């Protein structure tokens, strides 16, 4: 009986999901495409950004120039490092 409930729920969600206003992601690609991101965020009025990287990227400092650049364009509130 539980399996029937789950399948009914899945079918209902699949049917309704076709009518929901899903956002389509914008793909930035190519050389220096990361430099375009702060301008895009500002143009789209996006004020909150979550950056997730691994420890290796942080230790190499690969994100440091970009983080400095984005802090100038978007008000910086908090940094959380684990």
Protein backbone atom coordinates (compact mmCIF):
# COMPACT_ATOMS: atom_id res chain seq x y z
CA UNK A 1 0.00 0.00 0.00
CA UNK A 2 2.85 2.39 0.82
CA UNK A 3 4.39 1.69 -2.58
CA UNK A 4 1.14 2.69 -4.27
CA UNK A 5 1.09 5.94 -2.27
CA UNK A 6 4.70 6.71 -3.31
CA UNK A 7 4.04 6.02 -6.98
CA UNK A 8 0.92 8.18 -6.92
CA UNK A 9 2.85 11.01 -5.28
CA UNK A 10 5.67 10.72 -7.84
CA UNK A 11 3.21 10.74 -10.74
CA UNK A 12 1.39 13.76 -9.32
CA UNK A 13 4.61 15.69 -8.78
CA UNK A 14 5.88 14.85 -12.27
CA UNK A 15 2.61 16.06 -13.77
CA UNK A 16 2.46 19.29 -11.76
CA UNK A 17 6.19 20.03 -12.22
CA UNK A 18 5.61 20.65 -15.93
CA UNK A 19 3.58 23.74 -15.07
CA UNK A 20 5.89 25.25 -12.43
CA UNK A 21 7.97 28.31 -13.36
CA UNK A 22 11.44 26.71 -13.27
CA UNK A 23 14.42 28.97 -13.81
CA UNK A 24 16.83 27.99 -16.53
CA UNK A 25 20.52 28.22 -15.58
CA UNK A 26 22.80 30.53 -17.53
CA UNK A 27 26.02 28.89 -18.62
CA UNK A 28 29.11 31.07 -18.67
CA UNK A 29 31.91 29.46 -20.62
CA UNK A 30 35.13 30.39 -22.28
CA UNK A 31 38.29 32.18 -21.31
CA UNK A 32 37.86 34.71 -18.47
CA UNK A 33 34.19 33.79 -18.09
CA UNK A 34 34.54 33.96 -14.30
CA UNK A 35 35.39 37.66 -14.63
CA UNK A 36 31.94 38.24 -16.18
CA UNK A 37 30.11 36.76 -13.20
CA UNK A 38 30.13 39.83 -10.87
CA UNK A 39 28.66 41.99 -13.62
CA UNK A 40 26.01 39.37 -14.33
CA UNK A 41 25.12 39.10 -10.64
CA UNK A 42 24.77 42.87 -10.39
CA UNK A 43 22.67 43.05 -13.57
CA UNK A 44 20.34 40.30 -12.29
CA UNK A 45 20.08 42.05 -8.87
CA UNK A 46 21.45 39.02 -7.07
CA UNK A 47 22.65 40.06 -3.64
CA UNK A 48 23.41 36.71 -2.03
CA UNK A 49 26.13 34.42 -3.29
CA UNK A 50 27.19 31.06 -1.89
CA UNK A 51 30.65 29.93 -2.92
CA UNK A 52 31.49 26.30 -2.28
CA UNK A 53 34.99 25.02 -2.91
CA UNK A 54 37.24 22.35 -1.54
CA UNK A 55 40.27 22.84 0.66
CA UNK A 56 42.71 22.44 -2.24
CA UNK A 57 41.19 25.33 -4.19
CA UNK A 58 41.30 27.50 -1.07
CA UNK A 59 44.91 26.63 -0.27
CA UNK A 60 46.05 27.35 -3.82
CA UNK A 61 44.29 30.71 -3.70
CA UNK A 62 42.54 30.17 -7.03
CA UNK A 63 39.38 31.92 -5.86
CA UNK A 64 41.07 34.83 -4.05
CA UNK A 65 41.16 37.31 -6.97
CA UNK A 66 37.56 36.58 -7.84
CA UNK A 67 36.38 36.90 -4.22
CA UNK A 68 38.12 40.27 -3.90
CA UNK A 69 36.53 41.40 -7.16
CA UNK A 70 33.03 40.28 -6.16
CA UNK A 71 33.30 41.88 -2.70
CA UNK A 72 33.74 45.24 -4.42
CA UNK A 73 30.51 44.82 -6.39
CA UNK A 74 28.26 42.99 -3.91
CA UNK A 75 28.08 44.03 -0.26
CA UNK A 76 29.91 41.41 1.77
CA UNK A 77 28.23 40.19 4.94
CA UNK A 78 29.82 37.05 6.31
CA UNK A 79 32.46 34.44 5.58
CA UNK A 80 32.21 30.92 6.86
CA UNK A 81 35.19 28.63 6.59
CA UNK A 82 35.23 25.07 7.82
